[in-house]
Amino acid sequence: MIVDLAHYDIRTLMERSYRLYAHLPALAFFDEKPFSYQQLQNNVREIATLLINLGVKEGDRVAILGDNSPNWVIAYLATTSLGMIAVPILPGFPDADIRHIIRHSEAIAAFISQKQRAKLEDLENAQLHTIISLEDWSIEEAHKQRTSLLARETQFVAVAAKEKPFPSHEVFDRYPAPEEGDLAVIIYTSGTTGNSKGVMLTHRNIVYDVVQSIERFPIHSDDRFLSILPLSHAYESTGGMLCPLAVGVSIYYLRGLPTPQKLLDAMSMVHPTGVLTVPLVVDKVFRKRIVPQIQSKRVINKLYQTAFFRKKLHQVAGKKLITSFGGQLRFFMFGGAALNPDTETFLRDSHISYSSGYGMTETSPIMTINPFGAVKMGSCGKSIPGITMRIHNPDPQTGIGEIIVQGDIVMQGYYKNDAATQETFLPDGWLKTGDLGYFDDEGYLFIKGRSKNVIVGPSGENIYPEIVEQEILQSPYIQEALVYDDKGKLTAKVYLDHDFIDQNVAREHLKAEDPAQRIEELLELVRQEVNARLPVFSRLITLIEHPEPFEKTPTNKIKRHLYLSGQNS
């Protein structure tokens, strides 16, 4: 679908949707009736006018901290529609990091859910003077008692007040739309205290990304989305919020964290037609439910080794998957990580429509999308229209080099961090992604890994640990894997799925009786299976059990540096 805009800012984008889709359902929790786009417009104006009344001005920073909800969206749209700058904060950040982000961003107001409120108890030396509840819009002023918005007598507006001297739409309309080059959001990609990287994205950055992505994204006003990724991350706020809202899609939200049972319950109620997610969601279903069922029966497992019967078995399993996801799913859209090859084969065999993409917060975030109907396995697709991507200093043999990008989606830099900004850009203005990859003859991008993670093999070969990790994760016994070089020996630390092991390890016919020895035997079995699929120079010497889940980034990537100190990696 083509979205024509005279001005590339979030307010103009949304005003178009309010006009075209006024009576269509817009937002709701999965178990509630959605309110319409016209009601969304009214709510955004009410809360935007509240911000004005509280003294928040154009260019001021407003934090948003809470789980996904319709009110989170309203807070974001109200803030950005008036030229204020939204600072979405991932609820999963440690308390100290959240306080640091509020101080570093100089936020003067914050929308916060009750569950997150305690994280600001020790906030000092900050400019924050107003806290607004994401549940009921009640207000708490710094060091004063919380008051209901209904009790506030103001000259301008109160959300539920019976009489308003100036209706919210009149107050709202007095303020012009932001300029395209104005900052819309500052998104912190790392909450690490003292190492802040707040990505500055303008209205044009974000809206240009939305408009161009929609051209490759087959969604329309009849679609229903179930949102399961955090809105505070750029992937969901652009791809899972603004893109669907731009074309009249209705979006439904879970309450709290998306546990498997909660997700399935919501699917059965919403019957989504589209799901934007990370590959892990479908990968777990495939590896932990579908594969074990096939392998549990010797005859079926033998048939599974042939392409014809594999496709037939995948088609049967695929129909069950779609049914469990509500029965009306038209497509999956994956981002944040590469698809496991086995999972991608399953999706293709099952005729389940899917696509994958590539991006980073610094590019608003979407750079590439695999064209629906022309998805190329192992690739993350082609660049969206209007931007330029190329490979910097490609290897003459393989064509692999660092991916760099130019265009309207590229950030303005890191907030109050000139050194990090300069390191991220080449002298001629190209953004360095830090990812290694290559383009094929048809313009499809293939990513090999992070440049800083490459391991040099014994004969000078480049070993990409992410590719080896992907092979390890094809084993249903492994939940997480981290590959590194330990004094010249390629080693992997793995976090096991002991629940799955307890239920299924008997079929591996392990000989050891002692539980610890059985785990060692299982690890060796996995190592041999993985090595059989890898080139000789990138085969694993050792698998080591890691006793607990690895600490991860907001995009579910392992924080490698925490586990490789002292290693020769």
Protein backbone atom coordinates (compact mmCIF):
# COMPACT_ATOMS: atom_id res chain seq x y z
CA MET A 1 0.00 0.00 0.00
CA ILE A 2 1.21 3.53 -0.82
CA VAL A 3 0.86 6.23 1.84
CA ASP A 4 1.01 9.74 0.36
CA LEU A 5 2.07 12.48 2.76
CA ALA A 6 2.80 16.13 2.14
CA HIS A 7 4.81 16.36 5.34
CA TYR A 8 6.82 13.59 7.02
CA ASP A 9 5.98 13.86 10.69
CA ILE A 10 4.13 11.54 13.06
CA ARG A 11 1.21 13.90 13.61
CA THR A 12 0.54 14.26 9.86
CA LEU A 13 0.84 10.49 9.43
CA MET A 14 -1.74 9.87 12.13
CA GLU A 15 -4.12 12.66 11.06
CA ARG A 16 -4.38 10.87 7.73
CA SER A 17 -5.38 7.64 9.51
CA TYR A 18 -7.88 9.40 11.77
CA ARG A 19 -9.54 10.80 8.65
CA LEU A 20 -9.52 7.66 6.47
CA TYR A 21 -10.29 5.05 9.13
CA ALA A 22 -12.31 7.06 11.65
CA HIS A 23 -14.86 4.35 12.46
CA LEU A 24 -12.58 1.32 12.22
CA PRO A 25 -11.27 -0.40 15.38
CA ALA A 26 -7.83 0.87 16.41
CA LEU A 27 -6.49 -0.33 19.78
CA ALA A 28 -7.48 -2.60 22.66
CA PHE A 29 -6.30 -5.18 25.13
CA PHE A 30 -6.92 -8.63 23.67
CA ASP A 31 -9.94 -9.26 25.92
CA GLU A 32 -11.59 -5.86 25.47
CA LYS A 33 -13.59 -4.10 22.78
CA PRO A 34 -11.32 -1.83 20.71
CA PHE A 35 -11.90 1.88 20.43
CA SER A 36 -12.00 3.50 17.01
CA TYR A 37 -9.46 5.66 15.20
CA GLN A 38 -11.69 8.67 15.89
CA GLN A 39 -11.66 7.83 19.59
CA LEU A 40 -7.89 7.37 19.39
CA GLN A 41 -7.62 10.86 17.94
CA ASN A 42 -9.74 12.30 20.75
CA ASN A 43 -7.68 10.51 23.39
CA VAL A 44 -4.39 11.68 21.89
CA ARG A 45 -5.65 15.28 21.87
CA GLU A 46 -6.83 15.01 25.48
CA ILE A 47 -3.45 13.78 26.72
CA ALA A 48 -1.48 16.17 24.51
CA THR A 49 -3.48 19.05 25.97
CA LEU A 50 -2.80 17.68 29.45
CA LEU A 51 0.94 17.88 28.72
CA ILE A 52 0.55 21.49 27.61
CA ASN A 53 -1.35 22.27 30.80
CA LEU A 54 1.45 20.71 32.84
CA GLY A 55 3.95 23.09 31.28
CA VAL A 56 5.63 20.63 28.90
CA LYS A 57 6.88 22.47 25.82
CA GLU A 58 8.14 21.68 22.34
CA GLY A 59 11.56 20.03 22.58
CA ASP A 60 11.05 18.83 26.17
CA ARG A 61 11.75 15.17 26.84
CA VAL A 62 8.94 12.94 28.10
CA ALA A 63 9.77 9.39 29.29
CA ILE A 64 7.42 6.45 28.75
CA LEU A 65 7.93 3.45 31.03
CA GLY A 66 5.47 0.58 31.09
CA ASP A 67 4.31 -2.65 29.49
CA ASN A 68 2.48 -2.60 26.17
CA SER A 69 -1.01 -1.11 26.31
CA PRO A 70 -3.32 1.17 24.32
CA ASN A 71 -2.44 3.97 26.74
CA TRP A 72 1.28 3.52 25.95
CA VAL A 73 0.45 4.26 22.31
CA ILE A 74 -1.65 7.28 23.28
CA ALA A 75 1.19 8.66 25.41
CA TYR A 76 3.67 8.23 22.54
CA LEU A 77 1.39 9.87 19.96
CA ALA A 78 0.40 12.72 22.27
CA THR A 79 4.04 13.53 23.05
CA THR A 80 5.35 13.38 19.49
CA SER A 81 2.35 15.17 17.93
CA LEU A 82 3.23 18.43 19.69
CA GLY A 83 6.97 18.44 19.04
CA MET A 84 7.87 17.07 22.44
CA ILE A 85 10.44 14.26 22.43
CA ALA A 86 9.42 10.79 23.58
CA VAL A 87 11.96 8.74 25.55
CA PRO A 88 10.66 5.13 25.53
CA ILE A 89 12.36 3.03 28.22
CA LEU A 90 12.41 -0.76 28.23
CA PRO A 91 10.79 -2.00 31.45
CA GLY A 92 13.39 -4.76 31.60
CA PHE A 93 16.28 -2.38 32.17
CA PRO A 94 17.74 -2.50 35.70
CA ASP A 95 16.37 0.11 38.10
CA ALA A 96 19.65 2.06 38.25
CA ASP A 97 19.82 2.21 34.45
CA ILE A 98 16.24 3.49 34.19
CA ARG A 99 17.03 6.29 36.63
CA HIS A 100 20.21 7.06 34.70
CA ILE A 101 18.28 7.32 31.41
CA ILE A 102 15.77 9.74 32.93
CA ARG A 103 18.61 11.89 34.24
CA HIS A 104 20.69 11.65 31.06
CA SER A 105 17.75 12.48 28.77
CA GLU A 106 16.73 15.38 31.05
CA ALA A 107 13.12 14.22 30.94
CA ILE A 108 10.82 16.63 32.78
CA ALA A 109 7.70 14.44 32.67
CA ALA A 110 7.10 10.70 32.52
CA PHE A 111 4.23 8.34 31.76
CA ILE A 112 4.73 5.36 34.08
CA SER A 113 2.72 2.24 34.87
CA GLN A 114 2.06 1.46 38.51
CA LYS A 115 4.18 -1.68 38.33
CA GLN A 116 7.21 0.39 37.30
CA ARG A 117 6.65 3.28 39.72
CA ALA A 118 8.93 1.92 42.47
CA LYS A 119 11.92 2.08 40.12
CA LEU A 120 11.97 5.85 40.52
CA GLU A 121 11.90 5.90 44.31
CA ASP A 122 15.61 6.72 44.60
CA LEU A 123 15.72 9.12 41.65
CA GLU A 124 17.81 12.17 42.56
CA ASN A 125 19.48 14.99 40.65
CA ALA A 126 16.92 14.75 37.87
CA GLN A 127 14.75 17.37 36.16
CA LEU A 128 11.66 15.17 36.33
CA HIS A 129 8.81 17.10 37.94
CA THR A 130 5.63 15.27 36.83
CA ILE A 131 4.63 11.61 36.75
CA ILE A 132 1.49 10.56 34.87
CA SER A 133 -0.09 7.15 35.42
CA LEU A 134 -0.37 4.97 32.32
CA GLU A 135 -3.37 3.24 33.89
CA ASP A 136 -5.71 6.16 34.64
CA TRP A 137 -3.77 9.34 33.71
CA SER A 138 -3.68 10.46 37.34
CA ILE A 139 -0.88 12.87 38.16
CA GLU A 140 1.84 12.89 40.77
CA GLU A 141 3.97 15.98 41.21
CA ALA A 142 7.50 15.69 42.56
CA HIS A 143 7.49 15.22 46.36
CA LYS A 144 3.71 15.72 46.52
CA GLN A 145 0.76 13.44 47.02
CA ARG A 146 -0.72 11.68 44.02
CA THR A 147 -3.98 13.28 42.87
CA SER A 148 -6.73 12.15 40.57
CA LEU A 149 -6.99 14.00 37.31
CA LEU A 150 -10.71 14.28 37.90
CA ALA A 151 -10.07 16.52 40.91
CA ARG A 152 -7.76 18.97 39.12
CA GLU A 153 -9.41 22.28 38.26
CA THR A 154 -7.45 23.72 35.40
CA GLN A 155 -8.02 26.53 32.96
CA PHE A 156 -7.53 24.31 29.96
CA VAL A 157 -8.39 20.66 30.24
CA ALA A 158 -8.88 17.62 32.43
CA VAL A 159 -9.37 14.31 30.68
CA ALA A 160 -12.67 13.41 32.30
CA ALA A 161 -13.85 16.86 33.36
CA LYS A 162 -17.49 17.69 32.63
CA GLU A 163 -16.87 21.27 31.52
CA LYS A 164 -13.86 22.50 29.58
CA PRO A 165 -13.41 26.22 28.90
CA PHE A 166 -11.26 25.26 25.94
CA PRO A 167 -11.99 21.87 24.30
CA SER A 168 -8.91 19.76 23.81
CA HIS A 169 -9.11 19.88 20.03
CA GLU A 170 -8.99 23.70 20.11
CA VAL A 171 -5.96 23.68 22.39
CA PHE A 172 -4.29 20.99 20.27
CA ASP A 173 -4.96 22.81 17.00
CA ARG A 174 -3.23 25.96 18.27
CA TYR A 175 0.05 24.10 18.06
CA PRO A 176 1.56 23.42 14.62
CA ALA A 177 2.78 20.01 13.53
CA PRO A 178 6.48 19.35 14.23
CA GLU A 179 9.02 20.03 11.52
CA GLU A 180 10.36 16.99 9.67
CA GLY A 181 13.84 17.57 11.10
CA ASP A 182 12.65 17.90 14.70
CA LEU A 183 13.60 15.12 17.10
CA ALA A 184 10.71 12.72 17.72
CA VAL A 185 12.30 10.17 20.03
CA ILE A 186 15.47 9.30 21.90
CA ILE A 187 15.75 5.53 22.24
CA TYR A 188 18.40 4.11 24.55
CA THR A 189 19.86 0.95 23.05
CA SER A 190 21.85 0.25 26.22
CA GLY A 191 20.88 1.11 29.74
CA THR A 192 24.40 0.59 31.06
CA THR A 193 25.13 3.36 33.55
CA GLY A 194 27.86 5.67 32.31
CA ASN A 195 27.76 4.21 28.80
CA SER A 196 24.56 5.77 27.51
CA LYS A 197 23.73 5.55 23.83
CA GLY A 198 20.52 7.43 23.22
CA VAL A 199 19.67 7.19 19.52
CA MET A 200 18.20 10.48 18.23
CA LEU A 201 15.54 9.92 15.56
CA THR A 202 13.69 12.73 13.81
CA HIS A 203 10.11 12.73 12.58
CA ARG A 204 11.35 12.30 9.02
CA ASN A 205 13.62 9.40 10.04
CA ILE A 206 10.70 7.45 11.47
CA VAL A 207 7.90 8.39 9.06
CA TYR A 208 10.09 7.86 5.99
CA ASP A 209 10.86 4.37 7.32
CA VAL A 210 7.15 3.70 7.88
CA VAL A 211 6.08 4.91 4.44
CA GLN A 212 8.77 3.01 2.55
CA SER A 213 8.41 -0.17 4.60
CA ILE A 214 4.67 -0.33 3.95
CA GLU A 215 5.40 -0.64 0.22
CA ARG A 216 6.98 -4.04 1.00
CA PHE A 217 4.56 -4.94 3.79
CA PRO A 218 1.17 -6.36 2.56
CA ILE A 219 -1.11 -5.02 5.29
CA HIS A 220 -4.45 -3.24 5.04
CA SER A 221 -7.34 -2.02 7.16
CA ASP A 222 -8.94 -5.49 7.45
CA ASP A 223 -5.91 -6.83 9.32
CA ARG A 224 -5.62 -7.51 13.05
CA PHE A 225 -2.25 -7.49 14.79
CA LEU A 226 -1.40 -9.04 18.14
CA SER A 227 1.48 -7.06 19.62
CA ILE A 228 3.91 -9.20 21.63
CA LEU A 229 7.24 -7.32 21.41
CA PRO A 230 7.98 -4.33 23.69
CA LEU A 231 6.72 -1.02 22.27
CA SER A 232 9.74 0.68 23.79
CA HIS A 233 11.91 -1.03 21.17
CA ALA A 234 12.20 0.60 17.74
CA TYR A 235 11.25 -2.59 15.87
CA GLU A 236 7.82 -2.75 17.52
CA SER A 237 7.14 1.01 17.70
CA THR A 238 7.83 1.43 13.98
CA GLY A 239 6.91 -1.94 12.47
CA GLY A 240 4.30 -3.11 14.98
CA MET A 241 2.67 0.23 15.86
CA LEU A 242 3.12 3.06 13.34
CA CYS A 243 3.16 0.90 10.18
CA PRO A 244 -0.18 -0.80 10.95
CA LEU A 245 -1.76 2.40 12.29
CA ALA A 246 -0.79 4.15 9.04
CA VAL A 247 -3.10 1.83 7.07
CA GLY A 248 -5.99 1.32 9.49
CA VAL A 249 -5.00 -2.00 11.10
CA SER A 250 -6.43 -2.85 14.53
CA ILE A 251 -3.82 -3.74 17.18
CA TYR A 252 -4.39 -5.82 20.31
CA TYR A 253 -2.15 -6.03 23.38
CA LEU A 254 -1.45 -8.65 26.02
CA ARG A 255 -1.46 -7.80 29.70
CA GLY A 256 2.05 -8.15 31.10
CA LEU A 257 4.72 -10.48 29.75
CA PRO A 258 3.79 -12.77 26.83
CA THR A 259 3.94 -16.23 28.43
CA PRO A 260 3.19 -19.13 26.04
CA GLN A 261 -0.24 -19.83 27.55
CA LYS A 262 -1.18 -16.16 27.66
CA LEU A 263 -0.13 -15.83 24.02
CA LEU A 264 -2.23 -18.80 22.91
CA ASP A 265 -5.26 -17.54 24.87
CA ALA A 266 -4.95 -14.13 23.22
CA MET A 267 -4.55 -15.71 19.77
CA SER A 268 -7.79 -17.65 20.22
CA MET A 269 -9.66 -14.45 21.10
CA VAL A 270 -8.12 -11.99 18.62
CA HIS A 271 -7.66 -14.34 15.63
CA PRO A 272 -4.79 -12.16 14.35
CA THR A 273 -4.07 -11.98 10.64
CA GLY A 274 -0.50 -10.78 11.20
CA VAL A 275 2.13 -11.25 13.89
CA LEU A 276 5.34 -9.25 14.10
CA THR A 277 7.81 -11.22 16.18
CA VAL A 278 11.31 -12.55 16.64
CA PRO A 279 12.19 -15.98 15.14
CA LEU A 280 12.53 -17.52 18.63
CA VAL A 281 8.74 -17.69 19.07
CA VAL A 282 8.11 -19.98 16.08
CA ASP A 283 11.50 -21.67 16.41
CA LYS A 284 10.60 -22.92 19.90
CA VAL A 285 7.27 -24.29 18.70
CA PHE A 286 9.01 -26.10 15.84
CA ARG A 287 11.94 -27.52 17.80
CA LYS A 288 10.12 -28.32 21.05
CA ARG A 289 6.74 -29.56 19.80
CA ILE A 290 6.80 -30.48 16.12
CA VAL A 291 10.22 -32.16 15.79
CA PRO A 292 9.88 -34.35 18.93
CA GLN A 293 6.46 -35.61 17.76
CA ILE A 294 8.00 -36.67 14.46
CA GLN A 295 11.05 -38.25 16.08
CA SER A 296 9.03 -40.15 18.66
CA LYS A 297 7.79 -42.61 16.03
CA ARG A 298 10.51 -44.59 14.28
CA VAL A 299 8.67 -45.09 10.98
CA ILE A 300 7.63 -41.43 10.71
CA ASN A 301 11.12 -40.29 11.66
CA LYS A 302 12.58 -42.41 8.86
CA LEU A 303 10.11 -41.03 6.33
CA TYR A 304 10.96 -37.53 7.55
CA GLN A 305 14.45 -37.90 6.09
CA THR A 306 13.02 -37.76 2.53
CA ALA A 307 12.01 -34.41 1.02
CA PHE A 308 8.58 -35.58 -0.16
CA PHE A 309 7.40 -36.92 3.22
CA ARG A 310 9.10 -34.07 5.10
CA LYS A 311 6.95 -31.57 3.20
CA LYS A 312 3.80 -33.58 3.86
CA LEU A 313 4.53 -33.83 7.58
CA HIS A 314 5.38 -30.13 7.73
CA GLN A 315 2.10 -29.25 6.03
CA VAL A 316 0.11 -31.20 8.62
CA ALA A 317 2.06 -29.58 11.47
CA GLY A 318 1.73 -26.16 9.82
CA LYS A 319 -2.06 -26.37 9.78
CA LYS A 320 -2.03 -27.19 13.49
CA LEU A 321 0.28 -24.22 14.14
CA ILE A 322 -2.03 -21.81 12.30
CA THR A 323 -5.02 -23.18 14.22
CA SER A 324 -3.24 -22.67 17.55
CA PHE A 325 -2.48 -19.09 16.47
CA GLY A 326 -6.16 -18.28 15.97
CA GLY A 327 -6.82 -19.85 12.57
CA GLN A 328 -6.75 -16.67 10.46
CA LEU A 329 -3.05 -15.84 10.33
CA ARG A 330 -1.97 -14.51 6.92
CA PHE A 331 1.71 -14.00 7.67
CA PHE A 332 4.59 -13.82 10.14
CA MET A 333 7.02 -10.91 9.99
CA PHE A 334 10.35 -11.71 11.63
CA GLY A 335 13.07 -9.37 12.81
CA GLY A 336 15.75 -9.02 15.46
CA ALA A 337 17.63 -12.21 14.53
CA ALA A 338 18.15 -14.70 11.73
CA LEU A 339 15.69 -17.52 11.14
CA ASN A 340 16.95 -20.99 11.94
CA PRO A 341 17.31 -22.84 8.58
CA ASP A 342 15.21 -25.79 9.77
CA THR A 343 12.44 -23.47 10.94
CA GLU A 344 12.50 -21.57 7.66
CA THR A 345 12.27 -24.86 5.75
CA PHE A 346 9.25 -25.80 7.87
CA LEU A 347 7.51 -22.49 7.09
CA ARG A 348 8.15 -22.88 3.36
CA ASP A 349 7.02 -26.51 3.29
CA SER A 350 3.89 -25.57 5.23
CA HIS A 351 3.04 -22.76 2.79
CA ILE A 352 2.91 -20.34 5.74
CA SER A 353 3.48 -16.83 4.44
CA TYR A 354 6.38 -15.09 6.16
CA SER A 355 9.03 -12.48 5.68
CA SER A 356 12.13 -11.37 7.50
CA GLY A 357 13.90 -8.06 7.75
CA TYR A 358 17.02 -6.39 9.02
CA GLY A 359 17.47 -3.18 10.91
CA MET A 360 18.88 -1.40 13.91
CA THR A 361 17.64 1.36 16.17
CA GLU A 362 20.04 3.77 14.48
CA THR A 363 18.12 3.33 11.20
CA SER A 364 14.61 3.88 12.59
CA PRO A 365 14.98 0.73 12.44
CA ILE A 366 13.98 -1.07 9.20
CA MET A 367 16.58 -1.29 6.41
CA THR A 368 15.59 -4.41 4.49
CA ILE A 369 12.48 -6.55 4.01
CA ASN A 370 12.26 -9.89 2.24
CA PRO A 371 9.59 -9.37 -0.46
CA PHE A 372 6.47 -11.39 0.37
CA GLY A 373 6.06 -14.08 -2.25
CA ALA A 374 9.73 -13.80 -3.21
CA VAL A 375 11.47 -14.58 0.07
CA LYS A 376 14.98 -15.94 -0.40
CA MET A 377 16.03 -18.44 2.24
CA GLY A 378 18.86 -17.34 4.51
CA SER A 379 18.50 -13.73 3.41
CA CYS A 380 17.04 -10.74 5.21
CA GLY A 381 15.73 -9.28 1.97
CA LYS A 382 16.23 -6.17 -0.12
CA SER A 383 16.71 -2.61 1.05
CA ILE A 384 13.57 -0.50 1.34
CA PRO A 385 13.09 2.12 -1.40
CA GLY A 386 14.94 5.41 -1.17
CA ILE A 387 17.98 4.37 0.88
CA THR A 388 21.43 3.22 -0.21
CA MET A 389 23.23 0.22 1.25
CA ARG A 390 26.59 -1.20 0.29
CA ILE A 391 29.45 -3.35 1.53
CA HIS A 392 32.47 -1.49 2.90
CA ASN A 393 35.90 -3.00 2.15
CA PRO A 394 34.57 -6.37 0.91
CA ASP A 395 36.78 -9.42 1.03
CA PRO A 396 37.95 -10.02 -2.57
CA GLN A 397 37.28 -13.76 -2.27
CA THR A 398 33.92 -13.86 -0.50
CA GLY A 399 32.52 -10.37 -1.01
CA ILE A 400 31.83 -10.16 2.71
CA GLY A 401 32.42 -6.83 4.43
CA GLU A 402 30.78 -4.37 6.78
CA ILE A 403 27.27 -3.23 5.85
CA ILE A 404 26.97 0.56 5.60
CA VAL A 405 23.90 2.69 4.88
CA GLN A 406 22.87 6.20 3.85
CA GLY A 407 19.42 7.77 3.64
CA ASP A 408 16.57 9.50 5.40
CA ILE A 409 16.19 6.70 7.95
CA VAL A 410 19.67 7.23 9.47
CA MET A 411 19.77 8.71 12.97
CA GLN A 412 21.07 12.16 13.83
CA GLY A 413 23.57 10.70 16.29
CA TYR A 414 23.76 9.67 19.93
CA TYR A 415 22.37 12.11 22.47
CA LYS A 416 25.16 13.95 24.31
CA ASN A 417 27.72 11.43 23.03
CA ASP A 418 29.75 12.96 20.19
CA ALA A 419 32.57 10.42 20.51
CA ALA A 420 30.26 7.46 19.94
CA THR A 421 28.57 9.30 17.07
CA GLN A 422 31.87 9.93 15.30
CA GLU A 423 32.89 6.29 15.71
CA THR A 424 29.65 5.13 14.09
CA PHE A 425 29.91 7.24 10.93
CA LEU A 426 32.49 7.15 8.16
CA PRO A 427 33.99 10.54 7.21
CA ASP A 428 31.72 10.73 4.14
CA GLY A 429 28.56 10.28 6.21
CA TRP A 430 27.83 6.57 5.80
CA LEU A 431 26.53 4.81 8.93
CA LYS A 432 28.56 1.75 9.92
CA THR A 433 26.23 -1.01 11.10
CA GLY A 434 28.95 -3.21 12.62
CA ASP A 435 27.38 -6.19 10.82
CA LEU A 436 29.16 -8.26 8.18
CA GLY A 437 27.40 -9.51 5.08
CA TYR A 438 27.13 -9.49 1.32
CA PHE A 439 24.57 -8.77 -1.42
CA ASP A 440 23.82 -11.33 -4.10
CA ASP A 441 23.25 -10.49 -7.76
CA GLU A 442 19.55 -9.81 -7.15
CA GLY A 443 20.18 -7.36 -4.31
CA TYR A 444 19.29 -9.69 -1.44
CA LEU A 445 21.32 -9.13 1.72
CA PHE A 446 22.90 -12.04 3.60
CA ILE A 447 24.29 -11.36 7.09
CA LYS A 448 27.18 -13.40 8.46
CA GLY A 449 27.66 -11.86 11.91
CA ARG A 450 29.03 -8.93 13.87
CA SER A 451 32.41 -7.61 12.78
CA LYS A 452 33.73 -7.48 16.35
CA ASN A 453 32.78 -11.13 16.93
CA VAL A 454 34.67 -12.70 14.02
CA ILE A 455 37.12 -15.44 15.03
CA VAL A 456 40.17 -16.08 12.86
CA GLY A 457 40.70 -19.81 12.29
CA PRO A 458 44.02 -21.69 12.37
CA SER A 459 44.64 -21.12 8.65
CA GLY A 460 43.31 -17.57 8.56
CA GLU A 461 39.69 -18.47 7.82
CA ASN A 462 36.95 -16.19 9.17
CA ILE A 463 34.66 -18.04 11.58
CA TYR A 464 31.35 -16.34 12.31
CA PRO A 465 30.23 -17.48 15.79
CA GLU A 466 26.62 -16.52 15.15
CA ILE A 467 26.42 -19.08 12.33
CA VAL A 468 27.86 -21.83 14.53
CA GLU A 469 25.45 -20.85 17.32
CA GLN A 470 22.55 -21.13 14.89
CA GLU A 471 23.59 -24.70 14.10
CA ILE A 472 23.82 -25.55 17.81
CA LEU A 473 20.33 -24.16 18.42
CA GLN A 474 18.86 -26.65 15.97
CA SER A 475 19.13 -29.15 18.81
CA PRO A 476 15.93 -29.09 20.89
CA TYR A 477 18.04 -29.79 24.00
CA ILE A 478 19.77 -26.40 23.74
CA GLN A 479 18.04 -23.14 24.64
CA GLU A 480 20.94 -20.71 24.28
CA ALA A 481 24.50 -20.90 22.93
CA LEU A 482 27.62 -18.73 22.96
CA VAL A 483 30.57 -19.65 20.72
CA TYR A 484 34.06 -18.28 21.35
CA ASP A 485 37.75 -18.99 20.84
CA ASP A 486 39.44 -20.45 23.93
CA LYS A 487 43.20 -20.47 23.29
CA GLY A 488 42.77 -21.62 19.73
CA LYS A 489 39.97 -24.09 20.47
CA LEU A 490 36.47 -23.29 19.21
CA THR A 491 34.25 -23.68 22.25
CA ALA A 492 30.57 -23.20 23.03
CA LYS A 493 28.83 -22.49 26.31
CA VAL A 494 25.25 -23.74 26.18
CA TYR A 495 22.21 -23.31 28.39
CA LEU A 496 20.24 -26.57 28.34
CA ASP A 497 16.50 -27.13 28.40
CA HIS A 498 16.39 -29.57 31.33
CA ASP A 499 12.60 -29.87 31.20
CA PHE A 500 12.82 -31.06 27.61
CA ILE A 501 15.76 -33.32 28.49
CA ASP A 502 13.79 -34.98 31.31
CA GLN A 503 10.95 -35.80 28.94
CA ASN A 504 12.84 -36.81 25.81
CA VAL A 505 16.44 -37.82 26.52
CA ALA A 506 15.51 -41.52 26.75
CA ARG A 507 15.14 -41.71 22.98
CA GLU A 508 18.85 -40.88 22.57
CA HIS A 509 19.79 -44.24 24.19
CA LEU A 510 22.51 -42.70 26.35
CA LYS A 511 24.57 -45.25 28.26
CA ALA A 512 25.58 -43.38 31.42
CA GLU A 513 23.49 -43.83 34.59
CA ASP A 514 24.92 -40.89 36.52
CA PRO A 515 22.95 -37.68 35.66
CA ALA A 516 26.09 -35.56 35.27
CA GLN A 517 27.67 -38.12 32.97
CA ARG A 518 24.48 -38.34 30.93
CA ILE A 519 24.63 -34.58 30.38
CA GLU A 520 28.25 -34.88 29.25
CA GLU A 521 27.25 -37.67 26.88
CA LEU A 522 24.37 -35.59 25.54
CA LEU A 523 26.64 -32.58 24.98
CA GLU A 524 29.07 -34.75 23.05
CA LEU A 525 26.21 -36.10 20.93
CA VAL A 526 25.06 -32.56 20.13
CA ARG A 527 28.64 -31.52 19.32
CA GLN A 528 29.03 -34.36 16.83
CA GLU A 529 25.68 -33.59 15.17
CA VAL A 530 26.56 -29.91 14.84
CA ASN A 531 30.07 -30.58 13.50
CA ALA A 532 28.63 -32.84 10.81
CA ARG A 533 26.90 -29.75 9.37
CA LEU A 534 29.87 -27.35 9.64
CA PRO A 535 33.02 -26.80 7.55
CA VAL A 536 36.11 -28.42 9.04
CA PHE A 537 37.71 -25.12 10.09
CA SER A 538 34.67 -24.06 12.17
CA ARG A 539 33.97 -27.31 13.99
CA LEU A 540 33.57 -27.25 17.75
CA ILE A 541 36.13 -28.79 20.08
CA THR A 542 34.11 -28.53 23.28
CA LEU A 543 30.57 -27.88 24.53
CA ILE A 544 30.31 -26.63 28.11
CA GLU A 545 27.08 -26.40 30.08
CA HIS A 546 26.24 -22.90 31.28
CA PRO A 547 24.09 -23.21 34.44
CA GLU A 548 21.66 -20.33 33.84
CA PRO A 549 20.26 -18.16 31.04
CA PHE A 550 22.71 -15.66 29.57
CA GLU A 551 22.13 -11.97 30.18
CA LYS A 552 20.72 -10.41 27.03
CA THR A 553 20.20 -7.11 25.25
CA PRO A 554 16.70 -5.69 24.58
CA THR A 555 16.71 -7.50 21.21
CA ASN A 556 17.38 -10.84 22.95
CA LYS A 557 21.03 -11.04 21.92
CA ILE A 558 23.51 -12.40 24.45
CA LYS A 559 25.77 -9.77 26.01
CA ARG A 560 28.90 -11.53 24.83
CA HIS A 561 31.37 -9.26 26.58
CA LEU A 562 30.08 -10.36 29.99
CA TYR A 563 31.12 -13.96 29.35
CA LEU A 564 34.26 -13.64 27.28
CA SER A 565 36.49 -11.65 29.61
CA GLY A 566 39.79 -13.43 29.87
CA GLN A 567 39.08 -15.50 26.75
CA ASN A 568 41.05 -15.18 23.55
CA SER A 569 38.09 -14.15 21.44
